[in-house]
């Protein structure tokens, strides 16, 4: 059973415009609770006891809300992302917190049905990582995940363009990793977008022959990427 989770909450979220002027996007309320509050509550219910929150923009808002976690029923640790140079480098910041343990990692703006966290904290011994996927989302906005007949990831292509290989499986932004992921984040080079991207490390892990299992998310899922998505979520209250 996994008891550690790393949550990426360093970005402002410029597409949120004035909504993220005074707080990082993961702290924007959805149905009366910060997005990050929904994520931590769901993971805690699945058995996670220790969280590492990667903070940056308006870190004070995150720290004020969560403190050391005691008031929320779990322990919270913090690390600051000083340079916004991609999600791959962010994961490197979790090395000391993770140690030799497996961990769940989620982007701080991804909401899922909490029941999905249960299989994520219970990876099979032979599984090196779990990548969550959704079917038939627009892969040009994220990653196209390629799978084999055992629903294991064989490749991952970020934002494929017309004419490039694609897949109906969309990278849903929540993962389980063992420390082996750090072997690949340490070797990352900048992507065509000029960033060190976690998806490149996940792809390298799969291509190295390690077993990367895919998990199709059940129920609700939302990438709270802009005010329109946020309005839809709050209207469904």
Protein backbone atom coordinates (compact mmCIF):
# COMPACT_ATOMS: atom_id res chain seq x y z
CA UNK A 1 0.00 0.00 0.00
CA UNK A 2 1.39 3.38 -1.03
CA UNK A 3 1.23 6.09 1.65
CA UNK A 4 3.05 8.95 -0.12
CA UNK A 5 1.82 11.38 -2.77
CA UNK A 6 3.47 14.24 -4.64
CA UNK A 7 1.19 17.02 -5.85
CA UNK A 8 2.35 19.63 -8.36
CA UNK A 9 1.02 23.02 -7.29
CA UNK A 10 3.69 25.51 -8.33
CA UNK A 11 2.06 27.13 -11.34
CA UNK A 12 -0.08 30.22 -11.51
CA UNK A 13 -2.30 28.99 -14.33
CA UNK A 14 -2.31 32.01 -16.63
CA UNK A 15 -5.34 30.74 -18.58
CA UNK A 16 -7.38 31.33 -15.44
CA UNK A 17 -6.70 35.03 -15.96
CA UNK A 18 -7.80 37.15 -12.96
CA UNK A 19 -8.97 34.06 -11.05
CA UNK A 20 -5.35 33.12 -10.36
CA UNK A 21 -4.13 36.64 -9.68
CA UNK A 22 -4.11 36.11 -5.91
CA UNK A 23 -3.69 32.35 -5.70
CA UNK A 24 -2.16 29.44 -7.62
CA UNK A 25 -4.59 27.57 -9.86
CA UNK A 26 -4.69 24.45 -7.64
CA UNK A 27 -6.15 26.57 -4.83
CA UNK A 28 -9.09 27.89 -6.88
CA UNK A 29 -12.33 26.66 -5.28
CA UNK A 30 -14.47 24.04 -6.97
CA UNK A 31 -17.78 23.43 -5.22
CA UNK A 32 -16.59 25.23 -2.11
CA UNK A 33 -13.22 23.50 -1.73
CA UNK A 34 -9.82 24.19 -3.36
CA UNK A 35 -8.97 21.83 -6.21
CA UNK A 36 -5.99 20.68 -4.15
CA UNK A 37 -8.33 20.02 -1.23
CA UNK A 38 -10.39 17.60 -3.32
CA UNK A 39 -7.21 15.78 -4.40
CA UNK A 40 -5.73 15.45 -0.91
CA UNK A 41 -9.05 14.30 0.58
CA UNK A 42 -9.49 11.62 -2.06
CA UNK A 43 -5.95 10.31 -1.68
CA UNK A 44 -6.16 10.37 2.11
CA UNK A 45 -9.35 8.30 1.96
CA UNK A 46 -7.42 5.76 -0.16
CA UNK A 47 -4.69 5.49 2.48
CA UNK A 48 -2.15 8.23 1.72
CA UNK A 49 -0.76 9.74 4.92
CA UNK A 50 2.12 11.93 3.67
CA UNK A 51 1.95 14.58 0.98
CA UNK A 52 4.69 16.59 -0.68
CA UNK A 53 3.25 19.79 -2.15
CA UNK A 54 5.48 21.32 -4.80
CA UNK A 55 4.80 25.05 -4.52
CA UNK A 56 5.93 28.17 -6.32
CA UNK A 57 3.58 31.00 -7.27
CA UNK A 58 1.77 32.31 -4.17
CA UNK A 59 3.08 29.42 -2.09
CA UNK A 60 1.86 31.28 0.98
CA UNK A 61 -1.76 30.56 0.03
CA UNK A 62 -1.07 26.81 -0.08
CA UNK A 63 0.89 26.83 3.16
CA UNK A 64 -1.75 28.85 4.99
CA UNK A 65 -4.51 26.47 3.96
CA UNK A 66 -2.75 23.16 4.65
CA UNK A 67 -0.13 24.02 7.26
CA UNK A 68 1.56 20.82 8.41
CA UNK A 69 -1.59 18.88 7.53
CA UNK A 70 -2.57 18.08 11.13
CA UNK A 71 -5.90 19.84 10.79
CA UNK A 72 -6.68 17.76 7.70
CA UNK A 73 -5.75 14.35 9.06
CA UNK A 74 -2.44 13.84 7.25
CA UNK A 75 1.13 15.15 7.09
CA UNK A 76 2.18 17.82 4.61
CA UNK A 77 5.70 18.64 3.46
CA UNK A 78 6.69 21.37 1.03
CA UNK A 79 9.33 21.98 -1.59
CA UNK A 80 9.63 25.08 -3.77
CA UNK A 81 10.07 25.00 -7.52
CA UNK A 82 12.34 27.99 -8.05
CA UNK A 83 12.46 27.77 -11.85
CA UNK A 84 9.41 27.00 -13.97
CA UNK A 85 11.18 24.76 -16.48
CA UNK A 86 8.81 21.84 -16.79
CA UNK A 87 7.21 18.95 -14.95
CA UNK A 88 10.20 16.65 -15.38
CA UNK A 89 12.45 18.78 -13.22
CA UNK A 90 9.68 19.15 -10.64
CA UNK A 91 9.65 15.41 -9.99
CA UNK A 92 13.38 15.58 -9.26
CA UNK A 93 12.49 17.76 -6.26
CA UNK A 94 10.67 14.81 -4.71
CA UNK A 95 13.70 12.51 -4.41
CA UNK A 96 14.38 13.08 -0.71
CA UNK A 97 10.71 12.85 0.24
CA UNK A 98 10.18 9.64 -1.70
CA UNK A 99 13.35 7.80 -0.69
CA UNK A 100 12.93 4.13 -1.60
CA UNK A 101 9.12 4.23 -1.60
CA UNK A 102 6.57 4.14 -4.40
CA UNK A 103 4.35 7.21 -4.65
CA UNK A 104 1.32 8.67 -6.38
CA UNK A 105 1.85 11.84 -8.39
CA UNK A 106 -0.89 14.17 -9.56
CA UNK A 107 -1.01 17.49 -11.27
CA UNK A 108 -2.67 19.96 -8.94
CA UNK A 109 -5.45 20.83 -11.37
CA UNK A 110 -6.75 17.33 -12.14
CA UNK A 111 -10.00 16.20 -10.50
CA UNK A 112 -11.05 12.56 -10.61
CA UNK A 113 -13.65 10.38 -8.98
CA UNK A 114 -11.92 9.53 -5.65
CA UNK A 115 -12.56 5.80 -6.18
CA UNK A 116 -9.82 5.89 -8.83
CA UNK A 117 -7.15 6.52 -6.21
CA UNK A 118 -7.67 3.07 -4.67
CA UNK A 119 -5.98 1.03 -7.46
CA UNK A 120 -3.28 3.67 -7.75
CA UNK A 121 -2.07 3.04 -4.19
CA UNK A 122 -1.99 -0.73 -4.75
CA UNK A 123 0.29 -1.42 -7.74
CA UNK A 124 1.17 -5.03 -8.48
CA UNK A 125 4.78 -5.91 -7.51
CA UNK A 126 5.86 -6.29 -11.14
CA UNK A 127 4.42 -2.89 -12.18
CA UNK A 128 6.97 -0.07 -12.28
CA UNK A 129 4.47 2.70 -12.97
CA UNK A 130 0.77 3.30 -13.56
CA UNK A 131 -0.45 5.88 -16.07
CA UNK A 132 -4.09 6.91 -15.89
CA UNK A 133 -5.92 7.41 -19.16
CA UNK A 134 -9.28 8.60 -20.47
CA UNK A 135 -10.82 7.40 -23.70
CA UNK A 136 -11.47 9.71 -26.66
CA UNK A 137 -10.35 13.00 -25.11
CA UNK A 138 -8.66 15.50 -27.44
CA UNK A 139 -5.07 14.22 -27.45
CA UNK A 140 -3.83 17.35 -29.25
CA UNK A 141 -4.23 19.09 -25.86
CA UNK A 142 -2.09 16.53 -24.02
CA UNK A 143 -0.52 13.14 -24.42
CA UNK A 144 -1.60 10.22 -26.62
CA UNK A 145 -0.91 6.95 -24.80
CA UNK A 146 -0.27 3.82 -26.87
CA UNK A 147 -1.09 0.46 -25.31
CA UNK A 148 -0.69 -3.25 -26.02
CA UNK A 149 -3.17 -6.10 -25.53
CA UNK A 150 -2.38 -6.20 -21.78
CA UNK A 151 -3.19 -2.48 -21.51
CA UNK A 152 0.44 -1.69 -20.83
CA UNK A 153 1.90 1.53 -22.19
CA UNK A 154 4.18 1.03 -25.17
CA UNK A 155 4.62 4.69 -26.15
CA UNK A 156 3.50 8.20 -25.28
CA UNK A 157 3.36 11.11 -27.72
CA UNK A 158 2.81 14.62 -26.46
CA UNK A 159 0.25 16.69 -28.40
CA UNK A 160 0.44 14.75 -31.69
CA UNK A 161 -0.19 16.87 -34.76
CA UNK A 162 -2.19 15.91 -37.88
CA UNK A 163 -0.43 13.13 -39.75
CA UNK A 164 1.51 11.94 -36.71
CA UNK A 165 0.79 8.58 -34.97
CA UNK A 166 -2.02 8.91 -32.45
CA UNK A 167 -4.15 6.93 -30.01
CA UNK A 168 -7.65 7.27 -28.51
CA UNK A 169 -6.15 7.05 -25.00
CA UNK A 170 -5.47 10.42 -23.37
CA UNK A 171 -2.90 10.84 -20.59
CA UNK A 172 -5.10 11.83 -17.63
CA UNK A 173 -2.39 13.36 -15.43
CA UNK A 174 -2.33 11.06 -12.38
CA UNK A 175 0.41 8.46 -11.93
CA UNK A 176 1.95 5.89 -9.66
CA UNK A 177 5.74 5.63 -9.73
CA UNK A 178 8.48 3.64 -8.12
CA UNK A 179 11.81 5.44 -7.58
CA UNK A 180 13.05 4.08 -10.93
CA UNK A 181 11.36 7.10 -12.56
CA UNK A 182 14.24 9.23 -11.23
CA UNK A 183 16.68 7.34 -13.47
CA UNK A 184 14.86 8.88 -16.40
CA UNK A 185 14.01 12.35 -15.06
CA UNK A 186 17.74 12.80 -14.36
CA UNK A 187 18.53 12.29 -18.05
CA UNK A 188 15.85 14.56 -19.48
CA UNK A 189 16.66 17.05 -22.19
CA UNK A 190 14.52 20.01 -23.14
CA UNK A 191 11.53 19.18 -25.33
CA UNK A 192 10.63 21.09 -28.51
CA UNK A 193 8.56 23.29 -26.18
CA UNK A 194 11.72 24.21 -24.29
CA UNK A 195 10.82 22.33 -21.09
CA UNK A 196 11.89 19.22 -19.22
CA UNK A 197 8.74 17.13 -19.50
CA UNK A 198 7.68 14.31 -17.20
CA UNK A 199 6.01 12.52 -20.10
CA UNK A 200 9.40 12.11 -21.79
CA UNK A 201 10.66 10.32 -18.67
CA UNK A 202 7.56 8.10 -18.52
CA UNK A 203 8.04 7.23 -22.19
CA UNK A 204 11.70 6.38 -21.58
CA UNK A 205 10.70 4.17 -18.64
CA UNK A 206 8.32 2.17 -20.83
CA UNK A 207 10.77 1.93 -23.71
CA UNK A 208 13.44 0.61 -21.31
CA UNK A 209 11.35 -2.52 -20.91
CA UNK A 210 9.86 -1.76 -17.48
CA UNK A 211 6.16 -2.56 -17.08
CA UNK A 212 4.08 0.62 -17.22
CA UNK A 213 0.45 -0.30 -16.64
CA UNK A 214 -2.38 1.88 -17.88
CA UNK A 215 -5.51 2.47 -15.79
CA UNK A 216 -8.68 3.76 -17.40
CA UNK A 217 -10.26 6.26 -15.04
CA UNK A 218 -13.87 5.59 -14.11
CA UNK A 219 -16.48 8.25 -13.43
CA UNK A 220 -15.79 11.95 -13.46
CA UNK A 221 -12.50 13.50 -14.59
CA UNK A 222 -11.64 17.13 -15.24
CA UNK A 223 -8.55 19.06 -16.23
CA UNK A 224 -9.42 22.42 -14.70
CA UNK A 225 -7.50 24.24 -17.40
CA UNK A 226 -9.57 27.39 -17.89
CA UNK A 227 -12.51 29.43 -16.53
CA UNK A 228 -14.96 27.62 -18.79
CA UNK A 229 -14.17 24.21 -17.27
CA UNK A 230 -14.31 25.74 -13.81
CA UNK A 231 -17.73 27.24 -14.48
CA UNK A 232 -19.05 23.89 -15.71
CA UNK A 233 -17.82 22.13 -12.57
CA UNK A 234 -19.35 24.69 -10.23
CA UNK A 235 -22.63 24.68 -12.16
CA UNK A 236 -22.88 20.91 -11.57
CA UNK A 237 -23.01 21.43 -7.83
